[in-house]
């Protein structure tokens, strides 16, 4: 990870780590962020100040994890991931083409959020 990241970028990276590795210790978080343990705890504090519920537990099985029901910001997909997600949704729910259908509505949001080149391919799969 680049060492010249802003505190905001590191806090967002910390949130991603907590989402992907529940129970991560302060030491593991610090190593992933390439900062000290004290700085890692500071980034957890920044997340808490932003209203993101980060739970912590002490002891040998302790660590940090995001609280249940945490509403996370949009997830970034690679082009292949995004296209495969669209294909999987359409394969499992072929009626997901209408905005009235909750799956179709969610799929439309995903397609609109994609970069133009990938969005065109995904929209073509949906049509």
N, C-alpha and C. Protein backbone atom coordinates (compact mmCIF):
# COMPACT_ATOMS: atom_id res chain seq x y z
N UNK A 1 0.85 -1.18 0.00
CA UNK A 1 0.00 0.00 0.00
C UNK A 1 0.89 1.23 0.00
N UNK A 2 0.56 2.25 -0.80
CA UNK A 2 1.37 3.46 -0.82
C UNK A 2 1.43 4.10 0.56
N UNK A 3 2.60 4.60 0.94
CA UNK A 3 2.76 5.19 2.26
C UNK A 3 2.35 6.65 2.31
N UNK A 4 2.00 7.24 1.18
CA UNK A 4 1.64 8.65 1.15
C UNK A 4 0.13 8.88 1.15
N UNK A 5 -0.64 7.93 1.65
CA UNK A 5 -2.09 8.06 1.68
C UNK A 5 -2.52 9.05 2.76
N UNK A 6 -3.62 9.72 2.52
CA UNK A 6 -4.18 10.66 3.49
C UNK A 6 -4.82 9.87 4.63
N UNK A 7 -5.05 10.53 5.77
CA UNK A 7 -5.75 9.85 6.87
C UNK A 7 -7.13 9.35 6.46
N UNK A 8 -7.82 10.10 5.61
CA UNK A 8 -9.14 9.67 5.14
C UNK A 8 -9.02 8.39 4.33
N UNK A 9 -8.05 8.34 3.43
CA UNK A 9 -7.86 7.14 2.62
C UNK A 9 -7.49 5.94 3.49
N UNK A 10 -6.67 6.17 4.50
CA UNK A 10 -6.31 5.08 5.40
C UNK A 10 -7.51 4.61 6.21
N UNK A 11 -8.35 5.54 6.66
CA UNK A 11 -9.55 5.16 7.41
C UNK A 11 -10.48 4.32 6.54
N UNK A 12 -10.64 4.71 5.27
CA UNK A 12 -11.47 3.93 4.36
C UNK A 12 -10.86 2.55 4.11
N UNK A 13 -9.55 2.51 4.01
CA UNK A 13 -8.86 1.23 3.84
C UNK A 13 -9.05 0.37 5.08
N UNK A 14 -9.00 1.00 6.26
CA UNK A 14 -9.22 0.26 7.51
C UNK A 14 -10.62 -0.34 7.52
N UNK A 15 -11.61 0.43 7.05
CA UNK A 15 -12.98 -0.08 7.00
C UNK A 15 -13.07 -1.29 6.07
N UNK A 16 -12.39 -1.22 4.95
CA UNK A 16 -12.39 -2.34 4.01
C UNK A 16 -11.76 -3.58 4.65
N UNK A 17 -10.67 -3.38 5.38
CA UNK A 17 -10.01 -4.49 6.07
C UNK A 17 -10.94 -5.10 7.11
N UNK A 18 -11.61 -4.25 7.89
CA UNK A 18 -12.54 -4.74 8.91
C UNK A 18 -13.70 -5.50 8.30
N UNK A 19 -14.15 -5.05 7.14
CA UNK A 19 -15.26 -5.73 6.46
C UNK A 19 -14.81 -7.10 5.97
N UNK A 20 -13.59 -7.19 5.44
CA UNK A 20 -13.11 -8.44 4.85
C UNK A 20 -12.52 -9.41 5.86
N UNK A 21 -12.05 -8.89 7.00
CA UNK A 21 -11.38 -9.74 7.99
C UNK A 21 -11.89 -9.43 9.39
N UNK A 22 -13.14 -9.80 9.71
CA UNK A 22 -13.66 -9.53 11.05
C UNK A 22 -12.77 -10.17 12.11
N UNK A 23 -12.54 -9.46 13.20
CA UNK A 23 -11.70 -9.98 14.26
C UNK A 23 -10.24 -9.63 14.11
N UNK A 24 -9.92 -8.75 13.17
CA UNK A 24 -8.53 -8.36 12.95
C UNK A 24 -8.02 -7.61 14.18
N UNK A 25 -6.80 -7.92 14.60
CA UNK A 25 -6.23 -7.26 15.77
C UNK A 25 -5.64 -5.91 15.37
N UNK A 26 -5.34 -5.09 16.39
CA UNK A 26 -4.74 -3.79 16.12
C UNK A 26 -3.40 -3.97 15.42
N UNK A 27 -2.64 -4.98 15.81
CA UNK A 27 -1.35 -5.23 15.17
C UNK A 27 -1.50 -5.63 13.71
N UNK A 28 -2.47 -6.49 13.43
CA UNK A 28 -2.71 -6.91 12.04
C UNK A 28 -3.21 -5.74 11.19
N UNK A 29 -4.09 -4.93 11.78
CA UNK A 29 -4.59 -3.76 11.07
C UNK A 29 -3.45 -2.79 10.79
N UNK A 30 -2.60 -2.59 11.78
CA UNK A 30 -1.45 -1.70 11.61
C UNK A 30 -0.53 -2.21 10.50
N UNK A 31 -0.28 -3.51 10.48
CA UNK A 31 0.59 -4.08 9.45
C UNK A 31 -0.02 -3.90 8.07
N UNK A 32 -1.33 -4.11 7.96
CA UNK A 32 -2.00 -3.95 6.66
C UNK A 32 -1.98 -2.51 6.19
N UNK A 33 -2.08 -1.57 7.13
CA UNK A 33 -2.09 -0.15 6.78
C UNK A 33 -0.68 0.44 6.71
N UNK A 34 0.31 -0.36 7.15
CA UNK A 34 1.70 0.09 7.20
C UNK A 34 1.85 1.31 8.10
N UNK A 35 1.24 1.20 9.30
CA UNK A 35 1.32 2.25 10.31
C UNK A 35 1.58 1.58 11.66
N UNK A 36 1.73 2.40 12.70
CA UNK A 36 1.89 1.85 14.05
C UNK A 36 0.54 1.38 14.59
N UNK A 37 0.59 0.58 15.65
CA UNK A 37 -0.67 0.14 16.27
C UNK A 37 -1.46 1.34 16.79
N UNK A 38 -0.76 2.31 17.34
CA UNK A 38 -1.43 3.51 17.84
C UNK A 38 -2.18 4.21 16.71
N UNK A 39 -1.54 4.33 15.56
CA UNK A 39 -2.20 4.97 14.40
C UNK A 39 -3.39 4.13 13.94
N UNK A 40 -3.26 2.80 13.96
CA UNK A 40 -4.37 1.94 13.55
C UNK A 40 -5.56 2.16 14.47
N UNK A 41 -5.31 2.27 15.78
CA UNK A 41 -6.40 2.54 16.72
C UNK A 41 -7.02 3.92 16.46
N UNK A 42 -6.20 4.87 16.04
CA UNK A 42 -6.70 6.20 15.69
C UNK A 42 -7.64 6.12 14.49
N UNK A 43 -7.31 5.30 13.49
CA UNK A 43 -8.18 5.16 12.32
C UNK A 43 -9.49 4.48 12.70
N UNK A 44 -9.45 3.55 13.63
CA UNK A 44 -10.68 2.95 14.13
C UNK A 44 -11.52 4.03 14.81
N UNK A 45 -10.87 4.92 15.57
CA UNK A 45 -11.57 6.03 16.20
C UNK A 45 -12.21 6.96 15.19
N UNK A 46 -11.52 7.21 14.08
CA UNK A 46 -12.07 8.06 13.02
C UNK A 46 -13.34 7.42 12.45
N UNK A 47 -13.30 6.10 12.25
CA UNK A 47 -14.49 5.41 11.74
C UNK A 47 -15.65 5.53 12.72
N UNK A 48 -15.35 5.38 14.01
CA UNK A 48 -16.40 5.50 15.02
C UNK A 48 -16.98 6.91 15.04
N UNK A 49 -16.11 7.92 14.93
CA UNK A 49 -16.58 9.31 14.89
C UNK A 49 -17.48 9.56 13.69
N UNK A 50 -17.24 8.84 12.61
CA UNK A 50 -18.05 8.99 11.39
C UNK A 50 -19.37 8.22 11.49
N UNK A 51 -19.60 7.57 12.63
CA UNK A 51 -20.86 6.86 12.82
C UNK A 51 -20.84 5.42 12.38
N UNK A 52 -19.68 4.91 12.05
CA UNK A 52 -19.57 3.51 11.64
C UNK A 52 -19.32 2.68 12.90
N UNK A 53 -20.23 1.76 13.23
CA UNK A 53 -20.07 1.00 14.47
C UNK A 53 -18.96 -0.05 14.35
N UNK A 54 -17.86 0.23 15.01
CA UNK A 54 -16.75 -0.71 15.05
C UNK A 54 -16.74 -1.31 16.45
N UNK A 55 -16.90 -2.61 16.52
CA UNK A 55 -16.88 -3.31 17.81
C UNK A 55 -15.48 -3.81 18.08
N UNK A 56 -15.11 -3.85 19.35
CA UNK A 56 -13.80 -4.39 19.71
C UNK A 56 -13.97 -5.35 20.87
N UNK A 57 -13.12 -6.37 20.88
CA UNK A 57 -13.12 -7.35 21.96
C UNK A 57 -11.68 -7.60 22.37
N UNK A 58 -11.46 -7.70 23.67
CA UNK A 58 -10.12 -7.95 24.20
C UNK A 58 -9.89 -9.46 24.31
N UNK A 59 -8.63 -9.80 24.50
CA UNK A 59 -8.30 -11.19 24.75
C UNK A 59 -7.75 -11.91 23.54
N UNK A 60 -7.44 -13.20 23.72
CA UNK A 60 -6.80 -13.96 22.65
C UNK A 60 -7.66 -14.11 21.40
N UNK A 61 -8.97 -14.02 21.54
CA UNK A 61 -9.85 -14.13 20.38
C UNK A 61 -10.48 -12.78 20.06
N UNK A 62 -9.88 -11.73 20.56
CA UNK A 62 -10.41 -10.39 20.36
C UNK A 62 -9.98 -9.78 19.04
N UNK A 63 -10.38 -8.57 18.86
CA UNK A 63 -10.04 -7.83 17.65
C UNK A 63 -11.16 -6.88 17.30
N UNK A 64 -11.04 -6.26 16.14
CA UNK A 64 -12.03 -5.31 15.67
C UNK A 64 -12.91 -5.96 14.61
N UNK A 65 -14.17 -5.55 14.59
CA UNK A 65 -15.10 -5.97 13.53
C UNK A 65 -16.14 -4.89 13.38
N UNK A 66 -16.73 -4.83 12.22
CA UNK A 66 -17.81 -3.88 11.99
C UNK A 66 -19.07 -4.40 12.67
N UNK A 67 -19.84 -3.51 13.25
CA UNK A 67 -21.07 -3.89 13.93
C UNK A 67 -22.10 -4.43 12.95
N UNK A 68 -23.02 -5.21 13.46
CA UNK A 68 -24.09 -5.78 12.62
C UNK A 68 -24.93 -4.67 12.02
N UNK A 69 -25.37 -4.91 10.80
CA UNK A 69 -26.23 -3.95 10.14
C UNK A 69 -25.51 -2.71 9.66
N UNK A 70 -24.20 -2.77 9.61
CA UNK A 70 -23.44 -1.61 9.16
C UNK A 70 -23.75 -1.34 7.70
N UNK A 71 -24.10 -0.13 7.44
CA UNK A 71 -24.37 0.27 6.06
C UNK A 71 -23.07 0.82 5.49
N UNK A 72 -22.56 0.14 4.51
CA UNK A 72 -21.26 0.49 3.95
C UNK A 72 -21.40 1.29 2.67
N UNK A 73 -20.39 2.06 2.35
CA UNK A 73 -20.42 2.79 1.08
C UNK A 73 -20.33 1.82 -0.09
N UNK A 74 -20.54 2.31 -1.29
CA UNK A 74 -20.51 1.42 -2.46
C UNK A 74 -19.21 0.63 -2.55
N UNK A 75 -19.35 -0.57 -3.04
CA UNK A 75 -18.21 -1.47 -3.21
C UNK A 75 -17.65 -1.27 -4.61
N UNK A 76 -16.34 -1.27 -4.73
CA UNK A 76 -15.70 -1.13 -6.03
C UNK A 76 -15.45 -2.51 -6.61
N UNK A 77 -15.97 -2.75 -7.81
CA UNK A 77 -15.77 -4.02 -8.50
C UNK A 77 -14.81 -3.83 -9.66
N UNK A 78 -14.04 -4.87 -9.96
CA UNK A 78 -13.26 -4.85 -11.20
C UNK A 78 -14.24 -5.08 -12.34
N UNK A 79 -13.82 -4.81 -13.57
CA UNK A 79 -14.71 -5.01 -14.72
C UNK A 79 -15.21 -6.45 -14.80
N UNK A 80 -14.32 -7.46 -14.69
CA UNK A 80 -14.82 -8.84 -14.75
C UNK A 80 -15.79 -9.16 -13.60
N UNK A 81 -15.51 -8.65 -12.38
CA UNK A 81 -16.41 -8.90 -11.26
C UNK A 81 -17.79 -8.32 -11.53
N UNK A 82 -17.83 -7.09 -12.03
CA UNK A 82 -19.11 -6.43 -12.30
C UNK A 82 -19.92 -7.18 -13.35
N UNK A 83 -19.26 -7.56 -14.44
CA UNK A 83 -19.98 -8.29 -15.49
C UNK A 83 -20.46 -9.65 -14.99
N UNK A 84 -19.64 -10.33 -14.21
CA UNK A 84 -20.04 -11.63 -13.67
C UNK A 84 -21.18 -11.48 -12.67
N UNK A 85 -21.19 -10.40 -11.92
CA UNK A 85 -22.30 -10.15 -11.00
C UNK A 85 -23.60 -9.97 -11.77
N UNK A 86 -23.56 -9.18 -12.83
CA UNK A 86 -24.75 -8.98 -13.67
C UNK A 86 -25.21 -10.31 -14.26
N UNK A 87 -24.26 -11.09 -14.79
CA UNK A 87 -24.63 -12.39 -15.38
C UNK A 87 -25.23 -13.33 -14.34
N UNK A 88 -24.66 -13.34 -13.13
CA UNK A 88 -25.18 -14.22 -12.08
C UNK A 88 -26.59 -13.82 -11.68
N UNK A 89 -26.82 -12.52 -11.56
CA UNK A 89 -28.17 -12.06 -11.20
C UNK A 89 -29.16 -12.45 -12.29
N UNK A 90 -28.79 -12.20 -13.53
CA UNK A 90 -29.71 -12.51 -14.64
C UNK A 90 -29.93 -14.01 -14.79
N UNK A 91 -28.90 -14.80 -14.49
CA UNK A 91 -29.03 -16.25 -14.57
C UNK A 91 -29.97 -16.76 -13.47
N UNK A 92 -29.83 -16.21 -12.28
CA UNK A 92 -30.65 -16.66 -11.16
C UNK A 92 -32.02 -16.01 -11.09
N UNK A 93 -32.17 -14.87 -11.74
CA UNK A 93 -33.43 -14.13 -11.68
C UNK A 93 -33.65 -13.45 -13.03
N UNK A 94 -34.02 -14.24 -14.06
CA UNK A 94 -34.14 -13.68 -15.42
C UNK A 94 -35.14 -12.54 -15.54
N UNK A 95 -36.08 -12.44 -14.61
CA UNK A 95 -37.08 -11.38 -14.67
C UNK A 95 -36.55 -10.06 -14.12
N UNK A 96 -35.26 -9.99 -13.83
CA UNK A 96 -34.68 -8.80 -13.22
C UNK A 96 -34.42 -7.70 -14.24
N UNK A 97 -35.38 -7.48 -15.11
CA UNK A 97 -35.21 -6.44 -16.12
C UNK A 97 -36.09 -5.23 -15.85
N UNK A 98 -37.11 -5.39 -15.03
CA UNK A 98 -38.02 -4.29 -14.77
C UNK A 98 -37.66 -3.52 -13.52
N UNK A 99 -37.91 -2.22 -13.54
CA UNK A 99 -37.62 -1.38 -12.38
C UNK A 99 -38.59 -1.66 -11.23
N UNK A 100 -39.73 -2.30 -11.52
CA UNK A 100 -40.70 -2.62 -10.46
C UNK A 100 -40.23 -3.78 -9.60
N UNK A 101 -39.40 -4.63 -10.16
CA UNK A 101 -38.86 -5.78 -9.43
C UNK A 101 -37.70 -5.29 -8.56
N UNK A 102 -37.66 -5.62 -7.26
CA UNK A 102 -36.56 -5.16 -6.41
C UNK A 102 -35.19 -5.59 -6.93
N UNK A 103 -35.08 -6.80 -7.45
CA UNK A 103 -33.80 -7.26 -8.00
C UNK A 103 -33.45 -6.45 -9.24
N UNK A 104 -34.43 -6.21 -10.09
CA UNK A 104 -34.20 -5.40 -11.29
C UNK A 104 -33.80 -3.98 -10.95
N UNK A 105 -34.43 -3.42 -9.93
CA UNK A 105 -34.10 -2.07 -9.49
C UNK A 105 -32.66 -2.01 -8.97
N UNK A 106 -32.28 -2.99 -8.15
CA UNK A 106 -30.91 -3.03 -7.62
C UNK A 106 -29.90 -3.22 -8.75
N UNK A 107 -30.24 -4.09 -9.69
CA UNK A 107 -29.34 -4.33 -10.82
C UNK A 107 -29.17 -3.06 -11.65
N UNK A 108 -30.25 -2.32 -11.84
CA UNK A 108 -30.15 -1.06 -12.57
C UNK A 108 -29.22 -0.08 -11.89
N UNK A 109 -29.27 -0.02 -10.56
CA UNK A 109 -28.38 0.86 -9.81
C UNK A 109 -26.92 0.46 -10.00
N UNK A 110 -26.68 -0.85 -9.96
CA UNK A 110 -25.31 -1.34 -10.16
C UNK A 110 -24.82 -0.97 -11.55
N UNK A 111 -25.65 -1.19 -12.56
CA UNK A 111 -25.25 -0.90 -13.94
C UNK A 111 -24.99 0.59 -14.13
N UNK A 112 -25.82 1.44 -13.54
CA UNK A 112 -25.62 2.89 -13.68
C UNK A 112 -24.36 3.38 -12.99
N UNK A 113 -23.91 2.65 -11.97
CA UNK A 113 -22.72 3.06 -11.23
C UNK A 113 -21.42 2.59 -11.89
N UNK A 114 -21.53 1.72 -12.88
CA UNK A 114 -20.34 1.17 -13.54
C UNK A 114 -19.73 2.19 -14.49
N UNK A 115 -18.42 2.06 -14.74
CA UNK A 115 -17.81 2.89 -15.79
C UNK A 115 -18.54 2.65 -17.11
N UNK A 116 -18.52 3.64 -17.98
CA UNK A 116 -19.33 3.60 -19.20
C UNK A 116 -19.11 2.34 -20.03
N UNK A 117 -17.84 1.96 -20.25
CA UNK A 117 -17.57 0.80 -21.10
C UNK A 117 -18.16 -0.48 -20.51
N UNK A 118 -18.02 -0.66 -19.21
CA UNK A 118 -18.55 -1.86 -18.55
C UNK A 118 -20.06 -1.76 -18.45
N UNK A 119 -20.57 -0.57 -18.19
CA UNK A 119 -22.01 -0.37 -18.09
C UNK A 119 -22.73 -0.73 -19.38
N UNK A 120 -22.11 -0.38 -20.52
CA UNK A 120 -22.71 -0.73 -21.82
C UNK A 120 -22.78 -2.24 -21.98
N UNK A 121 -21.71 -2.93 -21.62
CA UNK A 121 -21.69 -4.39 -21.73
C UNK A 121 -22.74 -5.02 -20.81
N UNK A 122 -22.83 -4.50 -19.58
CA UNK A 122 -23.79 -5.04 -18.62
C UNK A 122 -25.22 -4.77 -19.08
N UNK A 123 -25.48 -3.58 -19.61
CA UNK A 123 -26.82 -3.25 -20.10
C UNK A 123 -27.19 -4.14 -21.27
N UNK A 124 -26.21 -4.46 -22.13
CA UNK A 124 -26.48 -5.34 -23.27
C UNK A 124 -26.85 -6.74 -22.78
N UNK A 125 -26.20 -7.21 -21.72
CA UNK A 125 -26.54 -8.52 -21.16
C UNK A 125 -27.95 -8.51 -20.59
N UNK A 126 -28.34 -7.39 -20.04
CA UNK A 126 -29.65 -7.27 -19.40
C UNK A 126 -30.78 -7.18 -20.41
N UNK A 127 -30.51 -6.62 -21.59
CA UNK A 127 -31.57 -6.38 -22.59
C UNK A 127 -32.08 -7.65 -23.22
